């Protein structure tokens, strides 16, 4: 049995398309401990969101399917639960906030009514108690005048306030794990910082674990203790945040770090990674990053590297890890 709060083992999630089988998630394994914030990082299309939807058992079927693997939460095998049992886990034990707050909130219902509904569904309490709980949650996430805001509609709130409302809804049932999928997307930089500070504050106060999914390594730099870097459906590097930033062992990770805007450089243009993430239905042979990698050779183009230890818990999936320089 697992001693971790969440443990994903050998997860494979595929989509059956007319063009073939899209292997969106391949052999993904990682864990999260209670009270920990783990970063899952990678470009759009690398499989991060599909991984989170697999954990929640929300992969649309058809065409999607969890082909194999295991997901343990509090030593409970999620893939073996019935639909009714999984509905009890969602919200109560594991909650999720999605990328765009305007698509996560119903525009024709008030903020409060949507949170009240979630509380009543999962906590089995009366309407008045659920409303009181909702006001408390809106106050907890820093929404001013929660007694007034509870009766306002999504369009009456700013983007930052809508995202706070989404967080309040996710936390309304005191989950042990919060999955935050690109929680700062479409928000300006100052609001992004406020949302990240809020998540860190709530994590500390409530003692919950957070899986932070993002394409921006700058977002995870000060928030997470460990990072999982994902590319083309696979984990390509993992380790402590400090180790990975100080000594990246994969060219993709190095490229992501180099693309983060910095104040201590004279460069006028940001560094970029040439090319795009490959189609999961048409992955190249060998290392999937080889078409974009400046270090790739015939070995990289023919054979898929395994995750190998760099030091302690720092592992990377690269034949050229000793040549990766920042």
Protein backbone atom coordinates (compact mmCIF):
# COMPACT_ATOMS: atom_id res chain seq x y z
CA UNK A 1 0.00 0.00 0.00
CA UNK A 2 1.06 3.61 -0.64
CA UNK A 3 2.09 5.89 2.21
CA UNK A 4 1.55 8.96 0.00
CA UNK A 5 -1.66 10.97 -0.16
CA UNK A 6 -1.80 10.46 -3.94
CA UNK A 7 0.27 8.06 -5.99
CA UNK A 8 -0.01 7.69 -9.75
CA UNK A 9 1.66 4.55 -11.12
CA UNK A 10 2.29 3.79 -14.78
CA UNK A 11 -0.71 5.80 -15.99
CA UNK A 12 -1.58 5.46 -19.69
CA UNK A 13 -4.47 7.48 -21.10
CA UNK A 14 -5.28 7.16 -24.79
CA UNK A 15 -7.77 8.67 -27.24
CA UNK A 16 -9.12 6.56 -30.10
CA UNK A 17 -9.30 8.91 -33.10
CA UNK A 18 -9.90 8.43 -36.82
CA UNK A 19 -6.24 9.23 -37.42
CA UNK A 20 -5.15 6.56 -34.93
CA UNK A 21 -4.53 6.20 -31.21
CA UNK A 22 -3.40 9.43 -29.54
CA UNK A 23 -1.21 8.48 -26.59
CA UNK A 24 -1.85 11.58 -24.49
CA UNK A 25 -0.35 10.17 -21.27
CA UNK A 26 2.27 7.42 -21.26
CA UNK A 27 3.69 5.57 -18.28
CA UNK A 28 3.29 8.56 -15.94
CA UNK A 29 4.20 8.00 -12.29
CA UNK A 30 4.47 10.52 -9.45
CA UNK A 31 3.28 11.08 -5.90
CA UNK A 32 2.06 13.88 -3.64
CA UNK A 33 2.30 13.87 0.14
CA UNK A 34 -0.15 15.53 2.53
CA UNK A 35 0.36 19.29 2.75
CA UNK A 36 2.74 19.36 -0.24
CA UNK A 37 2.56 21.52 -3.37
CA UNK A 38 3.83 19.65 -6.43
CA UNK A 39 4.35 21.37 -9.78
CA UNK A 40 3.42 19.60 -13.04
CA UNK A 41 5.02 21.66 -15.79
CA UNK A 42 5.02 21.59 -19.58
CA UNK A 43 3.75 23.28 -22.73
CA UNK A 44 0.15 23.12 -23.90
CA UNK A 45 -0.53 19.72 -25.43
CA UNK A 46 2.02 17.80 -23.37
CA UNK A 47 -0.58 15.84 -21.36
CA UNK A 48 -0.82 17.78 -18.09
CA UNK A 49 -4.56 18.39 -18.15
CA UNK A 50 -5.32 14.85 -19.35
CA UNK A 51 -3.30 13.58 -16.37
CA UNK A 52 -5.41 15.66 -13.98
CA UNK A 53 -8.66 14.57 -15.65
CA UNK A 54 -7.51 10.95 -15.36
CA UNK A 55 -7.01 11.39 -11.62
CA UNK A 56 -10.54 12.82 -11.35
CA UNK A 57 -11.88 10.14 -13.73
CA UNK A 58 -13.28 12.84 -15.99
CA UNK A 59 -11.64 11.77 -19.26
CA UNK A 60 -14.43 11.90 -21.89
CA UNK A 61 -15.24 8.37 -23.05
CA UNK A 62 -15.41 7.88 -25.95
CA UNK A 63 -12.94 8.73 -27.38
CA UNK A 64 -10.74 8.76 -24.27
CA UNK A 65 -9.88 5.84 -22.02
CA UNK A 66 -7.51 5.05 -19.18
CA UNK A 67 -5.74 2.12 -20.79
CA UNK A 68 -3.68 0.98 -17.80
CA UNK A 69 -2.02 2.09 -14.60
CA UNK A 70 -3.05 2.72 -11.03
CA UNK A 71 -4.14 5.79 -9.06
CA UNK A 72 -4.06 5.50 -5.28
CA UNK A 73 -5.60 8.17 -3.04
CA UNK A 74 -5.39 7.62 0.71
CA UNK A 75 -4.61 3.99 -0.18
CA UNK A 76 -7.88 3.78 -2.13
CA UNK A 77 -7.67 2.59 -5.75
CA UNK A 78 -9.63 5.26 -7.67
CA UNK A 79 -9.81 3.30 -10.93
CA UNK A 80 -11.64 0.52 -9.11
CA UNK A 81 -14.41 2.73 -7.68
CA UNK A 82 -17.93 2.80 -9.04
CA UNK A 83 -19.22 6.04 -10.58
CA UNK A 84 -21.22 6.79 -7.43
CA UNK A 85 -18.20 6.19 -5.18
CA UNK A 86 -16.05 8.41 -7.41
CA UNK A 87 -18.62 11.22 -7.21
CA UNK A 88 -18.21 11.15 -3.43
CA UNK A 89 -14.43 11.50 -3.83
CA UNK A 90 -14.74 14.50 -6.18
CA UNK A 91 -15.28 17.67 -4.21
CA UNK A 92 -15.13 16.03 -0.79
CA UNK A 93 -11.63 14.55 -1.01
CA UNK A 94 -10.18 15.88 -4.27
CA UNK A 95 -11.24 19.20 -5.78
CA UNK A 96 -10.19 20.84 -9.02
CA UNK A 97 -10.04 24.38 -10.34
CA UNK A 98 -9.93 24.84 -14.09
CA UNK A 99 -8.07 27.18 -16.41
CA UNK A 100 -10.68 29.77 -17.38
CA UNK A 101 -13.03 31.02 -14.63
CA UNK A 102 -15.67 32.28 -17.08
CA UNK A 103 -16.18 28.78 -18.49
CA UNK A 104 -16.23 27.22 -15.01
CA UNK A 105 -19.06 29.41 -13.73
CA UNK A 106 -22.61 29.37 -15.06
CA UNK A 107 -23.37 32.96 -16.18
CA UNK A 108 -27.10 32.74 -15.39
CA UNK A 109 -26.69 31.81 -11.71
CA UNK A 110 -25.21 33.88 -8.90
CA UNK A 111 -21.78 33.08 -7.52
CA UNK A 112 -23.33 32.14 -4.19
CA UNK A 113 -25.96 29.79 -5.60
CA UNK A 114 -23.28 27.80 -7.44
CA UNK A 115 -21.12 27.40 -4.36
CA UNK A 116 -24.15 26.62 -2.17
CA UNK A 117 -25.14 23.87 -4.62
CA UNK A 118 -21.67 22.31 -4.37
CA UNK A 119 -21.73 22.42 -0.57
CA UNK A 120 -25.21 20.89 -0.33
CA UNK A 121 -24.35 18.19 -2.87
CA UNK A 122 -21.22 16.99 -1.09
CA UNK A 123 -21.77 17.91 2.56
CA UNK A 124 -25.49 17.02 2.87
CA UNK A 125 -26.36 20.19 4.83
CA UNK A 126 -29.35 22.55 4.76
CA UNK A 127 -29.62 25.65 2.57
CA UNK A 128 -29.00 28.15 5.37
CA UNK A 129 -25.95 26.29 6.66
CA UNK A 130 -24.59 25.99 3.11
CA UNK A 131 -25.07 29.74 2.55
CA UNK A 132 -23.26 30.53 5.79
CA UNK A 133 -20.43 28.24 4.70
CA UNK A 134 -20.30 29.98 1.31
CA UNK A 135 -19.94 33.44 2.88
CA UNK A 136 -17.11 32.07 5.05
CA UNK A 137 -15.33 30.65 1.99
CA UNK A 138 -15.68 33.88 -0.02
CA UNK A 139 -14.18 35.74 2.93
CA UNK A 140 -11.40 33.15 3.26
CA UNK A 141 -10.29 33.64 -0.36
CA UNK A 142 -10.18 37.41 0.05
CA UNK A 143 -13.34 38.53 -1.73
CA UNK A 144 -14.45 41.84 -0.16
CA UNK A 145 -18.03 42.25 1.10
CA UNK A 146 -18.83 38.53 0.78
CA UNK A 147 -22.38 39.05 2.07
CA UNK A 148 -23.02 41.23 -0.99
CA UNK A 149 -20.90 39.34 -3.53
CA UNK A 150 -22.67 36.08 -2.80
CA UNK A 151 -25.72 37.36 -4.71
CA UNK A 152 -23.79 38.74 -7.69
CA UNK A 153 -23.41 37.11 -11.10
CA UNK A 154 -20.06 36.08 -12.66
CA UNK A 155 -20.05 39.02 -15.11
CA UNK A 156 -20.20 41.44 -12.17
CA UNK A 157 -16.83 40.23 -10.87
CA UNK A 158 -13.38 40.89 -12.29
CA UNK A 159 -11.29 38.01 -13.66
CA UNK A 160 -9.30 37.80 -10.45
CA UNK A 161 -12.44 37.79 -8.31
CA UNK A 162 -14.02 35.07 -10.48
CA UNK A 163 -10.92 32.94 -10.00
CA UNK A 164 -11.14 33.50 -6.25
CA UNK A 165 -14.78 32.39 -6.39
CA UNK A 166 -13.74 29.22 -8.23
CA UNK A 167 -11.14 28.55 -5.52
CA UNK A 168 -13.80 29.14 -2.84
CA UNK A 169 -16.06 26.59 -4.55
CA UNK A 170 -13.24 24.05 -4.77
CA UNK A 171 -12.34 24.46 -1.10
CA UNK A 172 -15.90 24.59 0.22
CA UNK A 173 -15.85 20.90 1.17
CA UNK A 174 -12.36 20.89 2.76
CA UNK A 175 -10.61 18.60 0.25
CA UNK A 176 -7.34 16.89 1.12
CA UNK A 177 -6.03 17.54 -2.41
CA UNK A 178 -6.60 20.51 -4.72
CA UNK A 179 -5.74 20.15 -8.40
CA UNK A 180 -5.11 23.63 -9.82
CA UNK A 181 -4.99 23.49 -13.63
CA UNK A 182 -3.36 26.70 -14.93
CA UNK A 183 -5.01 28.76 -12.16
CA UNK A 184 -3.42 32.03 -13.34
CA UNK A 185 -4.07 31.75 -17.09
CA UNK A 186 -5.72 34.85 -18.66
CA UNK A 187 -4.98 36.95 -15.57
CA UNK A 188 -2.59 39.90 -15.58
CA UNK A 189 0.74 39.56 -13.83
CA UNK A 190 -0.21 41.32 -10.60
CA UNK A 191 -3.38 39.23 -10.24
CA UNK A 192 -1.39 36.06 -11.02
CA UNK A 193 0.88 36.83 -8.07
CA UNK A 194 -2.14 37.43 -5.82
CA UNK A 195 -3.72 34.10 -6.78
CA UNK A 196 -0.45 32.21 -6.18
CA UNK A 197 0.01 33.94 -2.81
CA UNK A 198 -3.59 33.01 -1.97
CA UNK A 199 -3.05 29.33 -2.83
CA UNK A 200 0.13 29.21 -0.72
CA UNK A 201 -1.68 30.89 2.19
CA UNK A 202 -4.65 28.53 1.98
CA UNK A 203 -2.36 25.51 1.73
CA UNK A 204 -0.60 26.59 4.90
CA UNK A 205 -3.82 27.37 6.78
CA UNK A 206 -5.83 24.33 5.66
CA UNK A 207 -3.01 21.79 5.41
CA UNK A 208 -4.14 20.51 2.02
CA UNK A 209 -1.94 19.22 -0.78
CA UNK A 210 -1.90 20.99 -4.16
CA UNK A 211 -1.08 19.68 -7.62
CA UNK A 212 -0.18 22.87 -9.49
CA UNK A 213 -0.39 22.44 -13.27
CA UNK A 214 1.23 25.16 -15.36
CA UNK A 215 3.25 25.87 -18.51
CA UNK A 216 5.21 28.57 -16.68
CA UNK A 217 8.23 27.51 -14.63
CA UNK A 218 8.31 31.01 -13.17
CA UNK A 219 4.98 30.31 -11.45
CA UNK A 220 6.31 27.22 -9.65
CA UNK A 221 9.72 28.64 -8.79
CA UNK A 222 8.77 29.93 -5.34
CA UNK A 223 5.64 27.88 -4.69
CA UNK A 224 6.54 24.22 -5.04
CA UNK A 225 8.94 21.91 -3.29
CA UNK A 226 9.15 19.43 -6.18
CA UNK A 227 8.55 19.57 -9.93
CA UNK A 228 7.49 17.02 -12.54
CA UNK A 229 8.36 18.20 -16.07
CA UNK A 230 6.14 16.67 -18.76
CA UNK A 231 6.65 16.44 -22.51
CA UNK A 232 4.67 14.55 -25.16
CA UNK A 233 2.76 12.59 -22.54
CA UNK A 234 5.77 11.48 -20.48
CA UNK A 235 7.58 12.70 -17.38
CA UNK A 236 10.98 13.80 -18.72
CA UNK A 237 12.45 15.20 -15.49
CA UNK A 238 11.57 15.25 -11.81
CA UNK A 239 13.18 16.44 -8.61
CA UNK A 240 13.21 19.23 -6.07
CA UNK A 241 12.50 22.68 -7.43
CA UNK A 242 15.89 23.87 -6.20
CA UNK A 243 17.79 21.04 -7.93
CA UNK A 244 15.99 21.39 -11.22
CA UNK A 245 16.49 25.15 -11.45
CA UNK A 246 20.14 24.89 -10.39
CA UNK A 247 21.02 21.83 -12.47
CA UNK A 248 18.46 20.92 -15.16
CA UNK A 249 19.16 17.51 -16.63
CA UNK A 250 17.00 17.71 -19.75
CA UNK A 251 17.26 20.14 -22.70
CA UNK A 252 13.51 20.72 -22.56
CA UNK A 253 13.64 21.76 -18.90
CA UNK A 254 16.61 24.00 -19.64
CA UNK A 255 14.65 25.61 -22.48
CA UNK A 256 11.65 26.25 -20.25
CA UNK A 257 13.85 27.87 -17.61
CA UNK A 258 15.61 30.01 -20.22
CA UNK A 259 12.23 31.23 -21.54
CA UNK A 260 11.26 32.74 -18.17
CA UNK A 261 11.65 36.56 -18.25
CA UNK A 262 14.50 37.76 -16.03
CA UNK A 263 15.66 41.16 -14.80
CA UNK A 264 19.36 40.23 -14.44
CA UNK A 265 20.06 39.88 -18.16
CA UNK A 266 20.84 42.30 -20.98
CA UNK A 267 19.11 40.13 -23.58
CA UNK A 268 16.36 42.05 -25.40
CA UNK A 269 14.55 38.93 -26.68
CA UNK A 270 13.27 35.98 -24.70
CA UNK A 271 14.77 32.58 -25.40
CA UNK A 272 12.44 30.21 -27.26
CA UNK A 273 12.26 26.47 -27.91
CA UNK A 274 12.02 25.95 -31.66
CA UNK A 275 9.18 23.81 -32.99
CA UNK A 276 6.05 22.51 -31.28
CA UNK A 277 4.93 19.58 -29.12
CA UNK A 278 4.35 16.56 -31.43
CA UNK A 279 0.91 15.19 -32.18
CA UNK A 280 0.29 12.38 -29.63
CA UNK A 281 -1.06 10.25 -32.50
CA UNK A 282 2.17 10.70 -34.49
CA UNK A 283 5.02 10.67 -31.99
CA UNK A 284 8.53 10.50 -33.45
CA UNK A 285 10.68 7.42 -32.76
CA UNK A 286 13.20 7.60 -29.96
CA UNK A 287 13.10 10.56 -27.60
CA UNK A 288 9.99 12.61 -28.49
CA UNK A 289 11.95 15.85 -27.95
CA UNK A 290 14.63 14.94 -30.50
CA UNK A 291 13.19 16.99 -33.43
CA UNK A 292 13.50 20.16 -31.29
CA UNK A 293 16.64 19.28 -29.34
CA UNK A 294 20.00 20.91 -30.20
CA UNK A 295 21.85 17.98 -28.60
CA UNK A 296 20.01 15.14 -30.38
CA UNK A 297 22.00 12.49 -32.25
CA UNK A 298 21.17 9.14 -33.86
CA UNK A 299 20.93 7.46 -30.45
CA UNK A 300 18.26 9.98 -29.40
CA UNK A 301 16.35 9.48 -32.64
CA UNK A 302 16.28 5.69 -32.31
CA UNK A 303 15.85 4.85 -28.63
CA UNK A 304 13.60 6.19 -25.86
CA UNK A 305 15.67 7.05 -22.77
CA UNK A 306 14.59 5.86 -19.33
CA UNK A 307 14.35 8.08 -16.27
CA UNK A 308 17.83 7.96 -14.73
CA UNK A 309 19.09 9.39 -11.46
CA UNK A 310 20.99 12.68 -11.57
CA UNK A 311 21.24 12.89 -7.79
CA UNK A 312 19.04 11.55 -5.00
CA UNK A 313 15.39 12.10 -6.12
CA UNK A 314 16.40 14.15 -9.18
CA UNK A 315 15.85 12.02 -12.31
CA UNK A 316 15.85 12.83 -16.01
CA UNK A 317 14.93 11.07 -19.26
CA UNK A 318 17.90 12.14 -21.42
CA UNK A 319 21.00 10.49 -22.92
CA UNK A 320 22.72 13.91 -22.96
CA UNK A 321 22.05 14.93 -19.37
CA UNK A 322 25.75 15.63 -18.72
CA UNK A 323 25.80 18.08 -21.65
CA UNK A 324 22.78 20.16 -20.62
CA UNK A 325 24.08 23.60 -19.70
CA UNK A 326 22.30 26.71 -18.51
